[in-house]
Amino acid sequence: MISSMILFLLAAFVLITSLGLGIGSVSNPQSGFMPFWISLLMLAFSLILFVTAYRNSSSRVRLADLWHKLHWQKSALAAAFLAAYIFFLPWAGYLIATSVLMIVLFRLTSMKTWTAALGAMLAVFFSYGLFSFILKTPLPRGIWGF
């Protein structure tokens, strides 16, 4: 419940600050547009977290139980591949580097190889389309030109 209250206070602070920056509209967003909507989501999630924690407050949870089933190796591998992605992105280009990263991340979730490859290709296809064609954002092309 304490973490939900901290999240709520942080979201309220961001919301108030974003109002001071100006929100604008969907067709003409100002600098506070994204922080405003994100802080609204944070407020909603903190309230959901608080209600859930309040309903389950009768069951005691030990601190050791919270860390029992975490997979530290997978987290370390994901961080290492993200660091490698940052390094290889300008050289390999967006399509290749992001495809490899997505396949690795999907495989870390115990997905089958063909499912991970298909999911990675779909994610790269849609993100490339979004950034290149819709948002007109230039993406790194790499040494092969794509």
N, C-alpha and C. Protein backbone atom coordinates (compact mmCIF):
# COMPACT_ATOMS: atom_id res chain seq x y z
N MET A 1 0.83 -1.19 0.00
CA MET A 1 0.00 0.00 0.00
C MET A 1 0.87 1.25 0.00
N ILE A 2 2.04 1.15 0.64
CA ILE A 2 2.94 2.30 0.70
C ILE A 2 3.45 2.64 -0.70
N SER A 3 3.83 1.62 -1.47
CA SER A 3 4.34 1.89 -2.82
C SER A 3 3.26 2.51 -3.70
N SER A 4 2.01 2.11 -3.52
CA SER A 4 0.93 2.71 -4.32
C SER A 4 0.73 4.17 -3.94
N MET A 5 0.90 4.50 -2.67
CA MET A 5 0.78 5.90 -2.25
C MET A 5 1.92 6.75 -2.81
N ILE A 6 3.13 6.19 -2.83
CA ILE A 6 4.27 6.91 -3.40
C ILE A 6 4.06 7.12 -4.89
N LEU A 7 3.60 6.08 -5.58
CA LEU A 7 3.30 6.20 -7.00
C LEU A 7 2.21 7.24 -7.25
N PHE A 8 1.19 7.27 -6.41
CA PHE A 8 0.12 8.25 -6.54
C PHE A 8 0.65 9.67 -6.38
N LEU A 9 1.49 9.89 -5.36
CA LEU A 9 2.05 11.22 -5.13
C LEU A 9 2.95 11.66 -6.29
N LEU A 10 3.75 10.73 -6.81
CA LEU A 10 4.59 11.05 -7.95
C LEU A 10 3.74 11.40 -9.16
N ALA A 11 2.70 10.63 -9.41
CA ALA A 11 1.81 10.90 -10.55
C ALA A 11 1.11 12.24 -10.39
N ALA A 12 0.69 12.56 -9.18
CA ALA A 12 0.03 13.85 -8.94
C ALA A 12 1.00 15.01 -9.20
N PHE A 13 2.24 14.84 -8.78
CA PHE A 13 3.26 15.87 -9.02
C PHE A 13 3.48 16.06 -10.52
N VAL A 14 3.62 14.96 -11.26
CA VAL A 14 3.83 15.05 -12.71
C VAL A 14 2.62 15.67 -13.39
N LEU A 15 1.42 15.32 -12.94
CA LEU A 15 0.21 15.88 -13.51
C LEU A 15 0.16 17.40 -13.34
N ILE A 16 0.43 17.86 -12.13
CA ILE A 16 0.40 19.30 -11.87
C ILE A 16 1.48 20.02 -12.66
N THR A 17 2.66 19.42 -12.72
CA THR A 17 3.76 20.03 -13.47
C THR A 17 3.44 20.09 -14.96
N SER A 18 2.83 19.03 -15.49
CA SER A 18 2.52 19.01 -16.92
C SER A 18 1.44 20.04 -17.26
N LEU A 19 0.52 20.28 -16.33
CA LEU A 19 -0.48 21.33 -16.57
C LEU A 19 0.19 22.69 -16.70
N GLY A 20 1.24 22.90 -15.92
CA GLY A 20 1.98 24.16 -16.01
C GLY A 20 2.72 24.32 -17.33
N LEU A 21 3.08 23.20 -17.95
CA LEU A 21 3.77 23.26 -19.24
C LEU A 21 2.82 23.50 -20.40
N GLY A 22 1.56 23.21 -20.19
CA GLY A 22 0.58 23.33 -21.26
C GLY A 22 0.39 22.00 -21.95
N ILE A 23 -0.87 21.64 -22.16
CA ILE A 23 -1.18 20.33 -22.74
C ILE A 23 -1.38 20.44 -24.24
N GLY A 24 -2.11 21.41 -24.68
CA GLY A 24 -2.42 21.55 -26.09
C GLY A 24 -3.53 20.60 -26.49
N SER A 25 -3.50 20.12 -27.71
CA SER A 25 -4.50 19.19 -28.21
C SER A 25 -3.81 18.05 -28.94
N VAL A 26 -4.60 17.09 -29.40
CA VAL A 26 -4.02 15.96 -30.11
C VAL A 26 -3.36 16.41 -31.40
N SER A 27 -3.98 17.34 -32.09
CA SER A 27 -3.42 17.82 -33.35
C SER A 27 -2.31 18.84 -33.15
N ASN A 28 -2.24 19.45 -31.97
CA ASN A 28 -1.20 20.43 -31.68
C ASN A 28 -0.74 20.26 -30.22
N PRO A 29 0.00 19.17 -29.93
CA PRO A 29 0.42 18.93 -28.55
C PRO A 29 1.51 19.90 -28.11
N GLN A 30 1.45 20.25 -26.84
CA GLN A 30 2.50 21.07 -26.26
C GLN A 30 3.38 20.19 -25.41
N SER A 31 4.34 20.78 -24.73
CA SER A 31 5.34 19.98 -24.02
C SER A 31 4.77 19.19 -22.85
N GLY A 32 3.63 19.54 -22.32
CA GLY A 32 3.05 18.80 -21.22
C GLY A 32 2.06 17.73 -21.63
N PHE A 33 1.88 17.52 -22.93
CA PHE A 33 0.87 16.59 -23.43
C PHE A 33 1.13 15.15 -22.97
N MET A 34 2.30 14.62 -23.29
CA MET A 34 2.62 13.23 -22.92
C MET A 34 2.73 13.05 -21.40
N PRO A 35 3.42 13.93 -20.69
CA PRO A 35 3.47 13.75 -19.23
C PRO A 35 2.09 13.78 -18.58
N PHE A 36 1.19 14.58 -19.11
CA PHE A 36 -0.16 14.66 -18.56
C PHE A 36 -0.87 13.32 -18.69
N TRP A 37 -0.89 12.74 -19.88
CA TRP A 37 -1.60 11.48 -20.10
C TRP A 37 -0.92 10.31 -19.38
N ILE A 38 0.40 10.33 -19.34
CA ILE A 38 1.11 9.27 -18.62
C ILE A 38 0.83 9.37 -17.13
N SER A 39 0.78 10.57 -16.60
CA SER A 39 0.51 10.72 -15.17
C SER A 39 -0.93 10.30 -14.84
N LEU A 40 -1.86 10.52 -15.77
CA LEU A 40 -3.23 10.03 -15.54
C LEU A 40 -3.25 8.50 -15.47
N LEU A 41 -2.49 7.86 -16.35
CA LEU A 41 -2.39 6.40 -16.28
C LEU A 41 -1.73 5.95 -14.97
N MET A 42 -0.71 6.68 -14.56
CA MET A 42 -0.04 6.34 -13.30
C MET A 42 -1.00 6.49 -12.12
N LEU A 43 -1.82 7.51 -12.14
CA LEU A 43 -2.82 7.69 -11.08
C LEU A 43 -3.79 6.51 -11.05
N ALA A 44 -4.26 6.12 -12.22
CA ALA A 44 -5.20 4.99 -12.28
C ALA A 44 -4.55 3.71 -11.78
N PHE A 45 -3.32 3.44 -12.22
CA PHE A 45 -2.63 2.22 -11.80
C PHE A 45 -2.30 2.24 -10.31
N SER A 46 -1.97 3.40 -9.78
CA SER A 46 -1.69 3.46 -8.34
C SER A 46 -2.95 3.21 -7.52
N LEU A 47 -4.09 3.70 -8.01
CA LEU A 47 -5.34 3.41 -7.31
C LEU A 47 -5.71 1.94 -7.38
N ILE A 48 -5.50 1.33 -8.55
CA ILE A 48 -5.75 -0.11 -8.68
C ILE A 48 -4.82 -0.90 -7.76
N LEU A 49 -3.57 -0.51 -7.71
CA LEU A 49 -2.60 -1.17 -6.83
C LEU A 49 -2.99 -1.01 -5.37
N PHE A 50 -3.45 0.18 -4.98
CA PHE A 50 -3.86 0.41 -3.60
C PHE A 50 -5.06 -0.45 -3.22
N VAL A 51 -6.07 -0.49 -4.09
CA VAL A 51 -7.26 -1.28 -3.81
C VAL A 51 -6.91 -2.77 -3.72
N THR A 52 -6.08 -3.24 -4.63
CA THR A 52 -5.66 -4.65 -4.60
C THR A 52 -4.89 -4.96 -3.33
N ALA A 53 -3.98 -4.09 -2.96
CA ALA A 53 -3.19 -4.31 -1.74
C ALA A 53 -4.08 -4.24 -0.50
N TYR A 54 -5.06 -3.35 -0.51
CA TYR A 54 -5.96 -3.23 0.63
C TYR A 54 -6.82 -4.50 0.79
N ARG A 55 -7.29 -5.03 -0.33
CA ARG A 55 -8.11 -6.24 -0.27
C ARG A 55 -7.31 -7.45 0.21
N ASN A 56 -6.04 -7.49 -0.12
CA ASN A 56 -5.20 -8.62 0.26
C ASN A 56 -4.35 -8.32 1.50
N SER A 57 -4.71 -7.32 2.25
CA SER A 57 -3.89 -6.92 3.39
C SER A 57 -3.95 -7.93 4.54
N SER A 58 -4.92 -8.83 4.53
CA SER A 58 -5.01 -9.80 5.61
C SER A 58 -3.95 -10.89 5.49
N SER A 59 -3.48 -11.16 4.26
CA SER A 59 -2.45 -12.19 4.11
C SER A 59 -1.07 -11.56 4.27
N ARG A 60 -0.25 -12.19 5.08
CA ARG A 60 1.09 -11.69 5.36
C ARG A 60 2.06 -12.23 4.31
N VAL A 61 2.91 -11.38 3.80
CA VAL A 61 3.91 -11.78 2.83
C VAL A 61 5.27 -11.41 3.40
N ARG A 62 6.16 -12.40 3.40
CA ARG A 62 7.52 -12.14 3.87
C ARG A 62 8.33 -11.52 2.74
N LEU A 63 9.34 -10.75 3.09
CA LEU A 63 10.18 -10.10 2.10
C LEU A 63 10.90 -11.12 1.23
N ALA A 64 11.33 -12.23 1.82
CA ALA A 64 12.03 -13.26 1.06
C ALA A 64 11.12 -13.89 0.01
N ASP A 65 9.84 -13.97 0.26
CA ASP A 65 8.90 -14.55 -0.70
C ASP A 65 8.76 -13.70 -1.96
N LEU A 66 8.98 -12.40 -1.84
CA LEU A 66 8.86 -11.51 -2.99
C LEU A 66 9.97 -11.75 -4.00
N TRP A 67 11.14 -12.18 -3.54
CA TRP A 67 12.30 -12.36 -4.40
C TRP A 67 12.54 -13.82 -4.77
N HIS A 68 11.69 -14.71 -4.31
CA HIS A 68 11.94 -16.14 -4.46
C HIS A 68 11.95 -16.62 -5.90
N LYS A 69 11.02 -16.21 -6.72
CA LYS A 69 10.87 -16.76 -8.06
C LYS A 69 11.39 -15.85 -9.18
N LEU A 70 12.26 -14.92 -8.83
CA LEU A 70 12.82 -14.05 -9.86
C LEU A 70 13.93 -14.76 -10.61
N HIS A 71 14.07 -14.47 -11.90
CA HIS A 71 15.09 -15.07 -12.74
C HIS A 71 16.15 -14.01 -13.04
N TRP A 72 17.14 -13.91 -12.17
CA TRP A 72 18.16 -12.88 -12.31
C TRP A 72 18.99 -13.08 -13.58
N GLN A 73 19.19 -14.33 -13.97
CA GLN A 73 20.00 -14.58 -15.17
C GLN A 73 19.32 -14.00 -16.41
N LYS A 74 18.03 -14.16 -16.51
CA LYS A 74 17.31 -13.62 -17.67
C LYS A 74 17.36 -12.09 -17.68
N SER A 75 17.27 -11.49 -16.52
CA SER A 75 17.33 -10.03 -16.45
C SER A 75 18.72 -9.53 -16.86
N ALA A 76 19.75 -10.23 -16.41
CA ALA A 76 21.12 -9.84 -16.76
C ALA A 76 21.36 -10.03 -18.26
N LEU A 77 20.86 -11.12 -18.83
CA LEU A 77 21.00 -11.34 -20.27
C LEU A 77 20.25 -10.27 -21.07
N ALA A 78 19.05 -9.92 -20.63
CA ALA A 78 18.29 -8.87 -21.32
C ALA A 78 19.03 -7.54 -21.28
N ALA A 79 19.60 -7.21 -20.13
CA ALA A 79 20.36 -5.96 -20.02
C ALA A 79 21.60 -5.99 -20.91
N ALA A 80 22.28 -7.14 -20.98
CA ALA A 80 23.47 -7.26 -21.83
C ALA A 80 23.10 -7.12 -23.30
N PHE A 81 22.00 -7.75 -23.72
CA PHE A 81 21.59 -7.63 -25.11
C PHE A 81 21.10 -6.22 -25.45
N LEU A 82 20.49 -5.53 -24.50
CA LEU A 82 20.11 -4.14 -24.75
C LEU A 82 21.33 -3.25 -24.91
N ALA A 83 22.37 -3.51 -24.11
CA ALA A 83 23.61 -2.75 -24.24
C ALA A 83 24.26 -3.03 -25.60
N ALA A 84 24.26 -4.29 -26.02
CA ALA A 84 24.81 -4.64 -27.33
C ALA A 84 23.98 -4.00 -28.44
N TYR A 85 22.68 -3.96 -28.27
CA TYR A 85 21.79 -3.34 -29.26
C TYR A 85 22.16 -1.87 -29.47
N ILE A 86 22.38 -1.17 -28.37
CA ILE A 86 22.75 0.25 -28.47
C ILE A 86 24.05 0.41 -29.24
N PHE A 87 24.98 -0.50 -29.00
CA PHE A 87 26.28 -0.44 -29.67
C PHE A 87 26.17 -0.77 -31.16
N PHE A 88 25.41 -1.82 -31.52
CA PHE A 88 25.34 -2.29 -32.89
C PHE A 88 24.27 -1.61 -33.74
N LEU A 89 23.36 -0.86 -33.15
CA LEU A 89 22.28 -0.23 -33.91
C LEU A 89 22.79 0.67 -35.04
N PRO A 90 23.73 1.57 -34.81
CA PRO A 90 24.19 2.41 -35.93
C PRO A 90 24.88 1.60 -37.03
N TRP A 91 25.56 0.54 -36.67
CA TRP A 91 26.30 -0.27 -37.63
C TRP A 91 25.37 -1.21 -38.41
N ALA A 92 24.51 -1.94 -37.70
CA ALA A 92 23.67 -2.94 -38.35
C ALA A 92 22.40 -2.34 -38.93
N GLY A 93 21.94 -1.23 -38.38
CA GLY A 93 20.70 -0.61 -38.84
C GLY A 93 19.52 -1.08 -38.00
N TYR A 94 18.45 -0.34 -38.10
CA TYR A 94 17.27 -0.59 -37.27
C TYR A 94 16.67 -1.96 -37.52
N LEU A 95 16.47 -2.33 -38.77
CA LEU A 95 15.76 -3.56 -39.09
C LEU A 95 16.49 -4.80 -38.55
N ILE A 96 17.76 -4.90 -38.80
CA ILE A 96 18.51 -6.09 -38.39
C ILE A 96 18.73 -6.10 -36.88
N ALA A 97 19.20 -4.99 -36.33
CA ALA A 97 19.51 -4.94 -34.88
C ALA A 97 18.25 -5.16 -34.05
N THR A 98 17.16 -4.54 -34.43
CA THR A 98 15.93 -4.69 -33.67
C THR A 98 15.34 -6.08 -33.83
N SER A 99 15.47 -6.66 -35.01
CA SER A 99 14.99 -8.04 -35.20
C SER A 99 15.73 -9.01 -34.29
N VAL A 100 17.05 -8.90 -34.25
CA VAL A 100 17.85 -9.78 -33.39
C VAL A 100 17.49 -9.56 -31.93
N LEU A 101 17.39 -8.31 -31.52
CA LEU A 101 17.04 -8.01 -30.13
C LEU A 101 15.68 -8.58 -29.75
N MET A 102 14.70 -8.41 -30.61
CA MET A 102 13.36 -8.90 -30.30
C MET A 102 13.32 -10.43 -30.24
N ILE A 103 14.04 -11.09 -31.13
CA ILE A 103 14.09 -12.56 -31.08
C ILE A 103 14.70 -13.02 -29.76
N VAL A 104 15.79 -12.39 -29.37
CA VAL A 104 16.44 -12.76 -28.10
C VAL A 104 15.50 -12.50 -26.92
N LEU A 105 14.87 -11.35 -26.88
CA LEU A 105 13.98 -11.04 -25.77
C LEU A 105 12.77 -11.98 -25.73
N PHE A 106 12.22 -12.30 -26.88
CA PHE A 106 11.11 -13.25 -26.92
C PHE A 106 11.56 -14.65 -26.49
N ARG A 107 12.76 -15.06 -26.89
CA ARG A 107 13.28 -16.37 -26.48
C ARG A 107 13.53 -16.41 -24.97
N LEU A 108 13.90 -15.29 -24.38
CA LEU A 108 14.10 -15.25 -22.92
C LEU A 108 12.81 -15.49 -22.16
N THR A 109 11.69 -15.30 -22.81
CA THR A 109 10.40 -15.57 -22.17
C THR A 109 9.93 -17.00 -22.44
N SER A 110 10.84 -17.86 -22.90
CA SER A 110 10.58 -19.28 -23.17
C SER A 110 9.63 -19.49 -24.35
N MET A 111 9.61 -18.56 -25.27
CA MET A 111 8.82 -18.70 -26.48
C MET A 111 9.55 -19.65 -27.44
N LYS A 112 8.81 -20.38 -28.24
CA LYS A 112 9.44 -21.22 -29.25
C LYS A 112 10.17 -20.34 -30.27
N THR A 113 11.19 -20.90 -30.90
CA THR A 113 12.02 -20.11 -31.81
C THR A 113 11.23 -19.54 -32.97
N TRP A 114 10.38 -20.35 -33.61
CA TRP A 114 9.62 -19.85 -34.75
C TRP A 114 8.60 -18.80 -34.33
N THR A 115 8.02 -18.96 -33.13
CA THR A 115 7.07 -17.97 -32.63
C THR A 115 7.79 -16.67 -32.29
N ALA A 116 8.99 -16.80 -31.70
CA ALA A 116 9.78 -15.61 -31.37
C ALA A 116 10.19 -14.88 -32.64
N ALA A 117 10.59 -15.62 -33.67
CA ALA A 117 10.99 -14.99 -34.93
C ALA A 117 9.81 -14.30 -35.59
N LEU A 118 8.66 -14.96 -35.59
CA LEU A 118 7.47 -14.34 -36.19
C LEU A 118 7.05 -13.09 -35.41
N GLY A 119 7.04 -13.20 -34.09
CA GLY A 119 6.69 -12.04 -33.26
C GLY A 119 7.67 -10.89 -33.44
N ALA A 120 8.95 -11.23 -33.56
CA ALA A 120 9.97 -10.19 -33.77
C ALA A 120 9.77 -9.50 -35.11
N MET A 121 9.50 -10.29 -36.15
CA MET A 121 9.30 -9.70 -37.47
C MET A 121 8.06 -8.79 -37.50
N LEU A 122 6.99 -9.22 -36.85
CA LEU A 122 5.80 -8.39 -36.79
C LEU A 122 6.06 -7.09 -36.01
N ALA A 123 6.76 -7.22 -34.86
CA ALA A 123 7.06 -6.04 -34.05
C ALA A 123 7.93 -5.06 -34.82
N VAL A 124 8.95 -5.57 -35.51
CA VAL A 124 9.84 -4.71 -36.28
C VAL A 124 9.10 -4.09 -37.46
N PHE A 125 8.28 -4.87 -38.14
CA PHE A 125 7.52 -4.36 -39.27
C PHE A 125 6.61 -3.21 -38.86
N PHE A 126 5.84 -3.41 -37.78
CA PHE A 126 4.91 -2.37 -37.36
C PHE A 126 5.63 -1.16 -36.76
N SER A 127 6.69 -1.39 -36.01
CA SER A 127 7.41 -0.24 -35.44
C SER A 127 8.12 0.55 -36.54
N TYR A 128 8.68 -0.15 -37.53
CA TYR A 128 9.33 0.53 -38.65
C TYR A 128 8.30 1.34 -39.44
N GLY A 129 7.15 0.74 -39.69
CA GLY A 129 6.10 1.47 -40.39
C GLY A 129 5.63 2.69 -39.62
N LEU A 130 5.47 2.52 -38.31
CA LEU A 130 5.03 3.64 -37.48
C LEU A 130 6.03 4.78 -37.51
N PHE A 131 7.30 4.47 -37.24
CA PHE A 131 8.30 5.53 -37.15
C PHE A 131 8.69 6.09 -38.51
N SER A 132 8.86 5.25 -39.50
CA SER A 132 9.33 5.74 -40.80
C SER A 132 8.25 6.41 -41.63
N PHE A 133 7.09 5.76 -41.72
CA PHE A 133 6.08 6.24 -42.65
C PHE A 133 5.05 7.16 -42.01
N ILE A 134 4.63 6.84 -40.80
CA ILE A 134 3.59 7.65 -40.16
C ILE A 134 4.19 8.86 -39.45
N LEU A 135 5.22 8.62 -38.62
CA LEU A 135 5.82 9.72 -37.85
C LEU A 135 6.97 10.40 -38.59
N LYS A 136 7.37 9.85 -39.72
CA LYS A 136 8.45 10.42 -40.55
C LYS A 136 9.74 10.62 -39.75
N THR A 137 10.06 9.62 -38.92
CA THR A 137 11.26 9.67 -38.10
C THR A 137 12.36 8.87 -38.78
N PRO A 138 13.52 9.47 -39.01
CA PRO A 138 14.59 8.70 -39.64
C PRO A 138 15.16 7.67 -38.65
N LEU A 139 15.35 6.45 -39.14
CA LEU A 139 15.91 5.37 -38.34
C LEU A 139 17.27 5.00 -38.91
N PRO A 140 18.17 4.48 -38.06
CA PRO A 140 19.51 4.11 -38.55
C PRO A 140 19.42 3.04 -39.65
N ARG A 141 20.12 3.29 -40.76
CA ARG A 141 20.07 2.37 -41.89
C ARG A 141 21.18 1.34 -41.86
N GLY A 142 22.28 1.61 -41.19
CA GLY A 142 23.37 0.66 -41.11
C GLY A 142 24.22 0.64 -42.37
N ILE A 143 25.19 -0.26 -42.39
CA ILE A 143 26.13 -0.29 -43.52
C ILE A 143 25.51 -0.90 -44.77
N TRP A 144 24.40 -1.63 -44.64
CA TRP A 144 23.77 -2.25 -45.81
C TRP A 144 22.73 -1.34 -46.45
N GLY A 145 22.42 -0.23 -45.83
CA GLY A 145 21.50 0.73 -46.43
C GLY A 145 20.03 0.49 -46.15
N PHE A 146 19.69 -0.41 -45.23
CA PHE A 146 18.29 -0.63 -44.89
C PHE A 146 18.13 -0.81 -43.40
